[in-house]
Amino acid sequence: MPTQQEIEFQAAAFRRLQKHLMEDRTDVQNIDMMNLTGFCRNCLSRWYAEAAAEKGVDISKDAARELFYGMTMEAWKRDYQTDATGDQQKTFEKSFAENVGKT
């Protein structure tokens, strides 16, 4: 079981990752993250909501996503999302099946 200090350090690292993706690297597309790492901002928001649900706290999909986008999904798409290429979409289908489809 992690100590309180370890939990605090983990939370700080998590908050830094969240800020990095929300503010520092808005140029990084979710599809590229998923294709390279097997997770993206949507995965992080889903994991957050799942952790909350395990503790009896209901967080909507949209509310959880706002935590990782710093805005609504619609605003993010409008301001930062670019169109995916055919190759990106093919790679995504495989990555999604391997990483998200199995959960």
PDB file of N, CA and C in Angstrom:
ATOM      1  N   MET A   1       0.854  -1.183   0.000  1.00  0.00           N
ATOM      2  CA  MET A   1       0.000   0.000   0.000  1.00  0.00           C
ATOM      3  C   MET A   1       0.897   1.242   0.000  1.00  0.00           C
ATOM      4  N   PRO A   2       0.614   2.172  -0.904  1.00  0.00           N
ATOM      5  CA  PRO A   2       1.442   3.376  -0.965  1.00  0.00           C
ATOM      6  C   PRO A   2       1.280   4.244   0.289  1.00  0.00           C
ATOM      7  N   THR A   3       2.345   4.928   0.625  1.00  0.00           N
ATOM      8  CA  THR A   3       2.280   5.864   1.748  1.00  0.00           C
ATOM      9  C   THR A   3       1.551   7.127   1.307  1.00  0.00           C
ATOM     10  N   GLN A   4       1.168   7.954   2.253  1.00  0.00           N
ATOM     11  CA  GLN A   4       0.510   9.222   1.928  1.00  0.00           C
ATOM     12  C   GLN A   4       1.427  10.089   1.058  1.00  0.00           C
ATOM     13  N   GLN A   5       2.708  10.076   1.351  1.00  0.00           N
ATOM     14  CA  GLN A   5       3.657  10.860   0.560  1.00  0.00           C
ATOM     15  C   GLN A   5       3.712  10.362  -0.882  1.00  0.00           C
ATOM     16  N   GLU A   6       3.742   9.052  -1.062  1.00  0.00           N
ATOM     17  CA  GLU A   6       3.743   8.499  -2.419  1.00  0.00           C
ATOM     18  C   GLU A   6       2.469   8.886  -3.169  1.00  0.00           C
ATOM     19  N   ILE A   7       1.321   8.831  -2.498  1.00  0.00           N
ATOM     20  CA  ILE A   7       0.050   9.226  -3.106  1.00  0.00           C
ATOM     21  C   ILE A   7       0.103  10.693  -3.524  1.00  0.00           C
ATOM     22  N   GLU A   8       0.670  11.542  -2.685  1.00  0.00           N
ATOM     23  CA  GLU A   8       0.784  12.967  -3.016  1.00  0.00           C
ATOM     24  C   GLU A   8       1.696  13.197  -4.209  1.00  0.00           C
ATOM     25  N   PHE A   9       2.807  12.455  -4.273  1.00  0.00           N
ATOM     26  CA  PHE A   9       3.719  12.589  -5.407  1.00  0.00           C
ATOM     27  C   PHE A   9       3.058  12.090  -6.694  1.00  0.00           C
ATOM     28  N   GLN A  10       2.345  10.974  -6.595  1.00  0.00           N
ATOM     29  CA  GLN A  10       1.635  10.451  -7.759  1.00  0.00           C
ATOM     30  C   GLN A  10       0.578  11.446  -8.244  1.00  0.00           C
ATOM     31  N   ALA A  11      -0.142  12.029  -7.311  1.00  0.00           N
ATOM     32  CA  ALA A  11      -1.164  13.021  -7.667  1.00  0.00           C
ATOM     33  C   ALA A  11      -0.532  14.239  -8.321  1.00  0.00           C
ATOM     34  N   ALA A  12       0.624  14.678  -7.821  1.00  0.00           N
ATOM     35  CA  ALA A  12       1.312  15.829  -8.406  1.00  0.00           C
ATOM     36  C   ALA A  12       1.777  15.508  -9.823  1.00  0.00           C
ATOM     37  N   ALA A  13       2.299  14.316 -10.030  1.00  0.00           N
ATOM     38  CA  ALA A  13       2.734  13.914 -11.373  1.00  0.00           C
ATOM     39  C   ALA A  13       1.540  13.831 -12.313  1.00  0.00           C
ATOM     40  N   PHE A  14       0.438  13.320 -11.818  1.00  0.00           N
ATOM     41  CA  PHE A  14      -0.788  13.235 -12.612  1.00  0.00           C
ATOM     42  C   PHE A  14      -1.284  14.630 -13.001  1.00  0.00           C
ATOM     43  N   ARG A  15      -1.289  15.545 -12.044  1.00  0.00           N
ATOM     44  CA  ARG A  15      -1.728  16.922 -12.345  1.00  0.00           C
ATOM     45  C   ARG A  15      -0.822  17.576 -13.374  1.00  0.00           C
ATOM     46  N   ARG A  16       0.476  17.281 -13.305  1.00  0.00           N
ATOM     47  CA  ARG A  16       1.414  17.846 -14.279  1.00  0.00           C
ATOM     48  C   ARG A  16       1.162  17.275 -15.666  1.00  0.00           C
ATOM     49  N   LEU A  17       0.893  15.978 -15.757  1.00  0.00           N
ATOM     50  CA  LEU A  17       0.539  15.365 -17.036  1.00  0.00           C
ATOM     51  C   LEU A  17      -0.736  15.996 -17.591  1.00  0.00           C
ATOM     52  N   GLN A  18      -1.698  16.173 -16.727  1.00  0.00           N
ATOM     53  CA  GLN A  18      -2.969  16.790 -17.118  1.00  0.00           C
ATOM     54  C   GLN A  18      -2.728  18.195 -17.676  1.00  0.00           C
ATOM     55  N   LYS A  19      -1.948  19.004 -16.986  1.00  0.00           N
ATOM     56  CA  LYS A  19      -1.638  20.363 -17.440  1.00  0.00           C
ATOM     57  C   LYS A  19      -0.850  20.333 -18.750  1.00  0.00           C
ATOM     58  N   HIS A  20       0.093  19.444 -18.846  1.00  0.00           N
ATOM     59  CA  HIS A  20       0.914  19.320 -20.047  1.00  0.00           C
ATOM     60  C   HIS A  20       0.033  19.067 -21.270  1.00  0.00           C
ATOM     61  N   LEU A  21      -0.913  18.148 -21.145  1.00  0.00           N
ATOM     62  CA  LEU A  21      -1.782  17.821 -22.274  1.00  0.00           C
ATOM     63  C   LEU A  21      -2.827  18.903 -22.539  1.00  0.00           C
ATOM     64  N   MET A  22      -3.260  19.582 -21.489  1.00  0.00           N
ATOM     65  CA  MET A  22      -4.288  20.614 -21.619  1.00  0.00           C
ATOM     66  C   MET A  22      -3.745  21.935 -22.131  1.00  0.00           C
ATOM     67  N   GLU A  23      -2.555  22.303 -21.667  1.00  0.00           N
ATOM     68  CA  GLU A  23      -2.051  23.648 -21.928  1.00  0.00           C
ATOM     69  C   GLU A  23      -0.769  23.690 -22.750  1.00  0.00           C
ATOM     70  N   ASP A  24       0.155  22.802 -22.443  1.00  0.00           N
ATOM     71  CA  ASP A  24       1.474  22.887 -23.062  1.00  0.00           C
ATOM     72  C   ASP A  24       1.542  22.222 -24.434  1.00  0.00           C
ATOM     73  N   ARG A  25       0.771  21.171 -24.638  1.00  0.00           N
ATOM     74  CA  ARG A  25       0.862  20.408 -25.885  1.00  0.00           C
ATOM     75  C   ARG A  25      -0.509  20.216 -26.531  1.00  0.00           C
ATOM     76  N   THR A  26      -1.185  21.305 -26.756  1.00  0.00           N
ATOM     77  CA  THR A  26      -2.477  21.240 -27.443  1.00  0.00           C
ATOM     78  C   THR A  26      -2.296  20.805 -28.897  1.00  0.00           C
ATOM     79  N   ASP A  27      -1.069  20.857 -29.392  1.00  0.00           N
ATOM     80  CA  ASP A  27      -0.789  20.434 -30.762  1.00  0.00           C
ATOM     81  C   ASP A  27      -0.785  18.921 -30.923  1.00  0.00           C
ATOM     82  N   VAL A  28      -0.644  18.193 -29.831  1.00  0.00           N
ATOM     83  CA  VAL A  28      -0.604  16.735 -29.901  1.00  0.00           C
ATOM     84  C   VAL A  28      -2.038  16.217 -30.046  1.00  0.00           C
ATOM     85  N   GLN A  29      -2.263  15.524 -31.129  1.00  0.00           N
ATOM     86  CA  GLN A  29      -3.589  15.005 -31.431  1.00  0.00           C
ATOM     87  C   GLN A  29      -3.839  13.702 -30.665  1.00  0.00           C
ATOM     88  N   ASN A  30      -5.067  13.504 -30.235  1.00  0.00           N
ATOM     89  CA  ASN A  30      -5.433  12.271 -29.532  1.00  0.00           C
ATOM     90  C   ASN A  30      -5.144  11.042 -30.378  1.00  0.00           C
ATOM     91  N   ILE A  31      -5.423  11.115 -31.671  1.00  0.00           N
ATOM     92  CA  ILE A  31      -5.214   9.948 -32.522  1.00  0.00           C
ATOM     93  C   ILE A  31      -3.736   9.560 -32.551  1.00  0.00           C
ATOM     94  N   ASP A  32      -2.847  10.551 -32.534  1.00  0.00           N
ATOM     95  CA  ASP A  32      -1.415  10.246 -32.500  1.00  0.00           C
ATOM     96  C   ASP A  32      -1.020   9.639 -31.158  1.00  0.00           C
ATOM     97  N   MET A  33      -1.575  10.173 -30.073  1.00  0.00           N
ATOM     98  CA  MET A  33      -1.297   9.595 -28.754  1.00  0.00           C
ATOM     99  C   MET A  33      -1.752   8.143 -28.704  1.00  0.00           C
ATOM    100  N   MET A  34      -2.964   7.878 -29.169  1.00  0.00           N
ATOM    101  CA  MET A  34      -3.495   6.519 -29.136  1.00  0.00           C
ATOM    102  C   MET A  34      -2.649   5.599 -30.012  1.00  0.00           C
ATOM    103  N   ASN A  35      -2.277   6.075 -31.181  1.00  0.00           N
ATOM    104  CA  ASN A  35      -1.506   5.234 -32.098  1.00  0.00           C
ATOM    105  C   ASN A  35      -0.110   4.926 -31.568  1.00  0.00           C
ATOM    106  N   LEU A  36       0.476   5.858 -30.823  1.00  0.00           N
ATOM    107  CA  LEU A  36       1.830   5.653 -30.308  1.00  0.00           C
ATOM    108  C   LEU A  36       1.877   5.030 -28.920  1.00  0.00           C
ATOM    109  N   THR A  37       0.932   5.395 -28.069  1.00  0.00           N
ATOM    110  CA  THR A  37       1.021   4.988 -26.666  1.00  0.00           C
ATOM    111  C   THR A  37      -0.092   4.053 -26.206  1.00  0.00           C
ATOM    112  N   GLY A  38      -1.171   3.982 -26.975  1.00  0.00           N
ATOM    113  CA  GLY A  38      -2.295   3.140 -26.571  1.00  0.00           C
ATOM    114  C   GLY A  38      -3.261   3.825 -25.628  1.00  0.00           C
ATOM    115  N   PHE A  39      -3.087   5.133 -25.405  1.00  0.00           N
ATOM    116  CA  PHE A  39      -4.044   5.903 -24.609  1.00  0.00           C
ATOM    117  C   PHE A  39      -4.033   7.339 -25.092  1.00  0.00           C
ATOM    118  N   CYS A  40      -5.092   8.062 -24.722  1.00  0.00           N
ATOM    119  CA  CYS A  40      -5.205   9.473 -25.113  1.00  0.00           C
ATOM    120  C   CYS A  40      -5.949  10.235 -24.010  1.00  0.00           C
ATOM    121  N   ARG A  41      -6.272  11.465 -24.273  1.00  0.00           N
ATOM    122  CA  ARG A  41      -6.993  12.279 -23.289  1.00  0.00           C
ATOM    123  C   ARG A  41      -8.334  11.639 -22.925  1.00  0.00           C
ATOM    124  N   ASN A  42      -9.009  11.059 -23.914  1.00  0.00           N
ATOM    125  CA  ASN A  42     -10.291  10.413 -23.635  1.00  0.00           C
ATOM    126  C   ASN A  42     -10.116   9.221 -22.706  1.00  0.00           C
ATOM    127  N   CYS A  43      -9.041   8.468 -22.897  1.00  0.00           N
ATOM    128  CA  CYS A  43      -8.759   7.338 -22.006  1.00  0.00           C
ATOM    129  C   CYS A  43      -8.529   7.830 -20.579  1.00  0.00           C
ATOM    130  N   LEU A  44      -7.725   8.884 -20.440  1.00  0.00           N
ATOM    131  CA  LEU A  44      -7.462   9.443 -19.114  1.00  0.00           C
ATOM    132  C   LEU A  44      -8.756   9.882 -18.444  1.00  0.00           C
ATOM    133  N   SER A  45      -9.630  10.520 -19.202  1.00  0.00           N
ATOM    134  CA  SER A  45     -10.895  10.971 -18.614  1.00  0.00           C
ATOM    135  C   SER A  45     -11.763   9.782 -18.233  1.00  0.00           C
ATOM    136  N   ARG A  46     -11.752   8.727 -19.053  1.00  0.00           N
ATOM    137  CA  ARG A  46     -12.533   7.525 -18.722  1.00  0.00           C
ATOM    138  C   ARG A  46     -11.980   6.856 -17.469  1.00  0.00           C
ATOM    139  N   TRP A  47     -10.653   6.753 -17.369  1.00  0.00           N
ATOM    140  CA  TRP A  47     -10.046   6.143 -16.181  1.00  0.00           C
ATOM    141  C   TRP A  47     -10.383   6.941 -14.929  1.00  0.00           C
ATOM    142  N   TYR A  48     -10.402   8.255 -15.055  1.00  0.00           N
ATOM    143  CA  TYR A  48     -10.752   9.131 -13.935  1.00  0.00           C
ATOM    144  C   TYR A  48     -12.188   8.852 -13.494  1.00  0.00           C
ATOM    145  N   ALA A  49     -13.103   8.805 -14.448  1.00  0.00           N
ATOM    146  CA  ALA A  49     -14.519   8.550 -14.126  1.00  0.00           C
ATOM    147  C   ALA A  49     -14.698   7.157 -13.532  1.00  0.00           C
ATOM    148  N   GLU A  50     -13.962   6.181 -14.044  1.00  0.00           N
ATOM    149  CA  GLU A  50     -14.042   4.824 -13.496  1.00  0.00           C
ATOM    150  C   GLU A  50     -13.539   4.777 -12.057  1.00  0.00           C
ATOM    151  N   ALA A  51     -12.454   5.496 -11.772  1.00  0.00           N
ATOM    152  CA  ALA A  51     -11.926   5.541 -10.399  1.00  0.00           C
ATOM    153  C   ALA A  51     -12.945   6.201  -9.470  1.00  0.00           C
ATOM    154  N   ALA A  52     -13.589   7.256  -9.952  1.00  0.00           N
ATOM    155  CA  ALA A  52     -14.624   7.922  -9.148  1.00  0.00           C
ATOM    156  C   ALA A  52     -15.785   6.970  -8.892  1.00  0.00           C
ATOM    157  N   ALA A  53     -16.207   6.250  -9.924  1.00  0.00           N
ATOM    158  CA  ALA A  53     -17.332   5.323  -9.788  1.00  0.00           C
ATOM    159  C   ALA A  53     -17.035   4.225  -8.772  1.00  0.00           C
ATOM    160  N   GLU A  54     -15.771   3.775  -8.737  1.00  0.00           N
ATOM    161  CA  GLU A  54     -15.381   2.762  -7.749  1.00  0.00           C
ATOM    162  C   GLU A  54     -15.570   3.263  -6.326  1.00  0.00           C
ATOM    163  N   LYS A  55     -15.529   4.572  -6.153  1.00  0.00           N
ATOM    164  CA  LYS A  55     -15.727   5.177  -4.829  1.00  0.00           C
ATOM    165  C   LYS A  55     -17.150   5.693  -4.643  1.00  0.00           C
ATOM    166  N   GLY A  56     -18.030   5.363  -5.595  1.00  0.00           N
ATOM    167  CA  GLY A  56     -19.429   5.751  -5.469  1.00  0.00           C
ATOM    168  C   GLY A  56     -19.742   7.161  -5.947  1.00  0.00           C
ATOM    169  N   VAL A  57     -18.832   7.768  -6.687  1.00  0.00           N
ATOM    170  CA  VAL A  57     -19.035   9.129  -7.197  1.00  0.00           C
ATOM    171  C   VAL A  57     -19.304   9.044  -8.694  1.00  0.00           C
ATOM    172  N   ASP A  58     -20.428   9.602  -9.112  1.00  0.00           N
ATOM    173  CA  ASP A  58     -20.802   9.575 -10.520  1.00  0.00           C
ATOM    174  C   ASP A  58     -20.313  10.847 -11.208  1.00  0.00           C
ATOM    175  N   ILE A  59     -19.481  10.681 -12.209  1.00  0.00           N
ATOM    176  CA  ILE A  59     -18.985  11.805 -13.004  1.00  0.00           C
ATOM    177  C   ILE A  59     -19.361  11.517 -14.453  1.00  0.00           C
ATOM    178  N   SER A  60     -20.014  12.455 -15.087  1.00  0.00           N
ATOM    179  CA  SER A  60     -20.432  12.236 -16.471  1.00  0.00           C
ATOM    180  C   SER A  60     -19.224  12.181 -17.395  1.00  0.00           C
ATOM    181  N   LYS A  61     -19.426  11.563 -18.544  1.00  0.00           N
ATOM    182  CA  LYS A  61     -18.375  11.476 -19.558  1.00  0.00           C
ATOM    183  C   LYS A  61     -17.907  12.872 -19.961  1.00  0.00           C
ATOM    184  N   ASP A  62     -18.860  13.788 -20.167  1.00  0.00           N
ATOM    185  CA  ASP A  62     -18.503  15.153 -20.567  1.00  0.00           C
ATOM    186  C   ASP A  62     -17.735  15.888 -19.474  1.00  0.00           C
ATOM    187  N   ALA A  63     -18.159  15.729 -18.229  1.00  0.00           N
ATOM    188  CA  ALA A  63     -17.471  16.399 -17.122  1.00  0.00           C
ATOM    189  C   ALA A  63     -16.048  15.861 -16.962  1.00  0.00           C
ATOM    190  N   ALA A  64     -15.891  14.557 -17.093  1.00  0.00           N
ATOM    191  CA  ALA A  64     -14.556  13.962 -16.979  1.00  0.00           C
ATOM    192  C   ALA A  64     -13.664  14.442 -18.121  1.00  0.00           C
ATOM    193  N   ARG A  65     -14.218  14.538 -19.309  1.00  0.00           N
ATOM    194  CA  ARG A  65     -13.420  15.004 -20.446  1.00  0.00           C
ATOM    195  C   ARG A  65     -12.978  16.452 -20.260  1.00  0.00           C
ATOM    196  N   GLU A  66     -13.834  17.272 -19.706  1.00  0.00           N
ATOM    197  CA  GLU A  66     -13.457  18.676 -19.481  1.00  0.00           C
ATOM    198  C   GLU A  66     -12.241  18.785 -18.569  1.00  0.00           C
ATOM    199  N   LEU A  67     -12.077  17.818 -17.666  1.00  0.00           N
ATOM    200  CA  LEU A  67     -10.905  17.816 -16.788  1.00  0.00           C
ATOM    201  C   LEU A  67      -9.614  17.607 -17.567  1.00  0.00           C
ATOM    202  N   PHE A  68      -9.683  16.947 -18.718  1.00  0.00           N
ATOM    203  CA  PHE A  68      -8.480  16.656 -19.492  1.00  0.00           C
ATOM    204  C   PHE A  68      -8.328  17.518 -20.734  1.00  0.00           C
ATOM    205  N   TYR A  69      -9.363  18.258 -21.046  1.00  0.00           N
ATOM    206  CA  TYR A  69      -9.282  19.183 -22.170  1.00  0.00           C
ATOM    207  C   TYR A  69      -9.215  20.630 -21.702  1.00  0.00           C
ATOM    208  N   GLY A  70      -9.664  20.888 -20.490  1.00  0.00           N
ATOM    209  CA  GLY A  70      -9.697  22.256 -19.980  1.00  0.00           C
ATOM    210  C   GLY A  70     -10.804  23.076 -20.619  1.00  0.00           C
ATOM    211  N   MET A  71     -11.699  22.404 -21.315  1.00  0.00           N
ATOM    212  CA  MET A  71     -12.822  23.034 -22.020  1.00  0.00           C
ATOM    213  C   MET A  71     -13.740  21.902 -22.482  1.00  0.00           C
ATOM    214  N   THR A  72     -14.834  22.261 -23.079  1.00  0.00           N
ATOM    215  CA  THR A  72     -15.713  21.221 -23.601  1.00  0.00           C
ATOM    216  C   THR A  72     -15.039  20.509 -24.769  1.00  0.00           C
ATOM    217  N   MET A  73     -15.489  19.315 -25.026  1.00  0.00           N
ATOM    218  CA  MET A  73     -14.950  18.551 -26.147  1.00  0.00           C
ATOM    219  C   MET A  73     -15.201  19.288 -27.462  1.00  0.00           C
ATOM    220  N   GLU A  74     -16.353  19.901 -27.584  1.00  0.00           N
ATOM    221  CA  GLU A  74     -16.685  20.637 -28.801  1.00  0.00           C
ATOM    222  C   GLU A  74     -15.709  21.800 -29.021  1.00  0.00           C
ATOM    223  N   ALA A  75     -15.396  22.522 -27.953  1.00  0.00           N
ATOM    224  CA  ALA A  75     -14.449  23.639 -28.060  1.00  0.00           C
ATOM    225  C   ALA A  75     -13.060  23.132 -28.425  1.00  0.00           C
ATOM    226  N   TRP A  76     -12.648  22.016 -27.819  1.00  0.00           N
ATOM    227  CA  TRP A  76     -11.341  21.441 -28.135  1.00  0.00           C
ATOM    228  C   TRP A  76     -11.270  21.072 -29.616  1.00  0.00           C
ATOM    229  N   LYS A  77     -12.286  20.385 -30.083  1.00  0.00           N
ATOM    230  CA  LYS A  77     -12.283  19.977 -31.492  1.00  0.00           C
ATOM    231  C   LYS A  77     -12.206  21.202 -32.406  1.00  0.00           C
ATOM    232  N   ARG A  78     -12.962  22.205 -32.074  1.00  0.00           N
ATOM    233  CA  ARG A  78     -12.982  23.425 -32.886  1.00  0.00           C
ATOM    234  C   ARG A  78     -11.616  24.116 -32.893  1.00  0.00           C
ATOM    235  N   ASP A  79     -10.990  24.200 -31.732  1.00  0.00           N
ATOM    236  CA  ASP A  79      -9.759  24.982 -31.593  1.00  0.00           C
ATOM    237  C   ASP A  79      -8.470  24.217 -31.901  1.00  0.00           C
ATOM    238  N   TYR A  80      -8.462  22.902 -31.679  1.00  0.00           N
ATOM    239  CA  TYR A  80      -7.194  22.176 -31.738  1.00  0.00           C
ATOM    240  C   TYR A  80      -7.180  20.915 -32.611  1.00  0.00           C
ATOM    241  N   GLN A  81      -8.305  20.264 -32.783  1.00  0.00           N
ATOM    242  CA  GLN A  81      -8.288  18.981 -33.484  1.00  0.00           C
ATOM    243  C   GLN A  81      -8.160  19.174 -34.991  1.00  0.00           C
ATOM    244  N   THR A  82      -7.307  18.360 -35.588  1.00  0.00           N
ATOM    245  CA  THR A  82      -7.133  18.378 -37.039  1.00  0.00           C
ATOM    246  C   THR A  82      -7.731  17.103 -37.621  1.00  0.00           C
ATOM    247  N   ASP A  83      -7.970  17.099 -38.909  1.00  0.00           N
ATOM    248  CA  ASP A  83      -8.508  15.913 -39.572  1.00  0.00           C
ATOM    249  C   ASP A  83      -7.449  14.816 -39.611  1.00  0.00           C
ATOM    250  N   ALA A  84      -7.889  13.599 -39.344  1.00  0.00           N
ATOM    251  CA  ALA A  84      -6.986  12.451 -39.381  1.00  0.00           C
ATOM    252  C   ALA A  84      -6.830  11.966 -40.819  1.00  0.00           C
ATOM    253  N   THR A  85      -5.641  11.493 -41.119  1.00  0.00           N
ATOM    254  CA  THR A  85      -5.394  10.909 -42.435  1.00  0.00           C
ATOM    255  C   THR A  85      -5.940   9.481 -42.458  1.00  0.00           C
ATOM    256  N   GLY A  86      -6.020   8.925 -43.625  1.00  0.00           N
ATOM    257  CA  GLY A  86      -6.455   7.531 -43.752  1.00  0.00           C
ATOM    258  C   GLY A  86      -5.534   6.577 -43.015  1.00  0.00           C
ATOM    259  N   ASP A  87      -4.225   6.820 -43.098  1.00  0.00           N
ATOM    260  CA  ASP A  87      -3.264   5.970 -42.396  1.00  0.00           C
ATOM    261  C   ASP A  87      -3.428   6.080 -40.883  1.00  0.00           C
ATOM    262  N   GLN A  88      -3.639   7.294 -40.395  1.00  0.00           N
ATOM    263  CA  GLN A  88      -3.856   7.476 -38.952  1.00  0.00           C
ATOM    264  C   GLN A  88      -5.104   6.715 -38.505  1.00  0.00           C
ATOM    265  N   GLN A  89      -6.154   6.780 -39.289  1.00  0.00           N
ATOM    266  CA  GLN A  89      -7.399   6.100 -38.934  1.00  0.00           C
ATOM    267  C   GLN A  89      -7.236   4.591 -38.920  1.00  0.00           C
ATOM    268  N   LYS A  90      -6.506   4.038 -39.878  1.00  0.00           N
ATOM    269  CA  LYS A  90      -6.259   2.588 -39.907  1.00  0.00           C
ATOM    270  C   LYS A  90      -5.465   2.158 -38.679  1.00  0.00           C
ATOM    271  N   THR A  91      -4.408   2.901 -38.370  1.00  0.00           N
ATOM    272  CA  THR A  91      -3.590   2.586 -37.196  1.00  0.00           C
ATOM    273  C   THR A  91      -4.420   2.713 -35.927  1.00  0.00           C
ATOM    274  N   PHE A  92      -5.282   3.730 -35.871  1.00  0.00           N
ATOM    275  CA  PHE A  92      -6.134   3.940 -34.704  1.00  0.00           C
ATOM    276  C   PHE A  92      -7.065   2.753 -34.481  1.00  0.00           C
ATOM    277  N   GLU A  93      -7.668   2.246 -35.534  1.00  0.00           N
ATOM    278  CA  GLU A  93      -8.591   1.112 -35.386  1.00  0.00           C
ATOM    279  C   GLU A  93      -7.894  -0.057 -34.709  1.00  0.00           C
ATOM    280  N   LYS A  94      -6.678  -0.331 -35.116  1.00  0.00           N
ATOM    281  CA  LYS A  94      -5.901  -1.426 -34.510  1.00  0.00           C
ATOM    282  C   LYS A  94      -5.547  -1.093 -33.069  1.00  0.00           C
ATOM    283  N   SER A  95      -5.051   0.112 -32.825  1.00  0.00           N
ATOM    284  CA  SER A  95      -4.656   0.511 -31.478  1.00  0.00           C
ATOM    285  C   SER A  95      -5.849   0.513 -30.532  1.00  0.00           C
ATOM    286  N   PHE A  96      -6.972   1.026 -30.996  1.00  0.00           N
ATOM    287  CA  PHE A  96      -8.180   1.076 -30.165  1.00  0.00           C
ATOM    288  C   PHE A  96      -8.606  -0.342 -29.795  1.00  0.00           C
ATOM    289  N   ALA A  97      -8.621  -1.238 -30.768  1.00  0.00           N
ATOM    290  CA  ALA A  97      -9.017  -2.626 -30.497  1.00  0.00           C
ATOM    291  C   ALA A  97      -8.081  -3.287 -29.476  1.00  0.00           C
ATOM    292  N   GLU A  98      -6.780  -3.010 -29.620  1.00  0.00           N
ATOM    293  CA  GLU A  98      -5.793  -3.635 -28.728  1.00  0.00           C
ATOM    294  C   GLU A  98      -5.804  -3.037 -27.326  1.00  0.00           C
ATOM    295  N   ASN A  99      -6.100  -1.749 -27.219  1.00  0.00           N
ATOM    296  CA  ASN A  99      -5.944  -1.064 -25.937  1.00  0.00           C
ATOM    297  C   ASN A  99      -7.260  -0.714 -25.239  1.00  0.00           C
ATOM    298  N   VAL A 100      -8.252  -0.342 -25.980  1.00  0.00           N
ATOM    299  CA  VAL A 100      -9.517   0.062 -25.377  1.00  0.00           C
ATOM    300  C   VAL A 100     -10.553  -1.035 -25.507  1.00  0.00           C
ATOM    301  N   GLY A 101     -10.573  -1.698 -26.635  1.00  0.00           N
ATOM    302  CA  GLY A 101     -11.557  -2.739 -26.888  1.00  0.00           C
ATOM    303  C   GLY A 101     -11.465  -3.918 -25.948  1.00  0.00           C
ATOM    304  N   LYS A 102     -10.297  -4.102 -25.358  1.00  0.00           N
ATOM    305  CA  LYS A 102     -10.108  -5.264 -24.468  1.00  0.00           C
ATOM    306  C   LYS A 102     -10.499  -4.974 -23.024  1.00  0.00           C
ATOM    307  N   THR A 103     -10.858  -3.712 -22.706  1.00  0.00           N
ATOM    308  CA  THR A 103     -11.206  -3.394 -21.316  1.00  0.00           C
ATOM    309  C   THR A 103     -12.669  -3.600 -21.061  1.00  0.00           C
TER     310      THR A 103
END
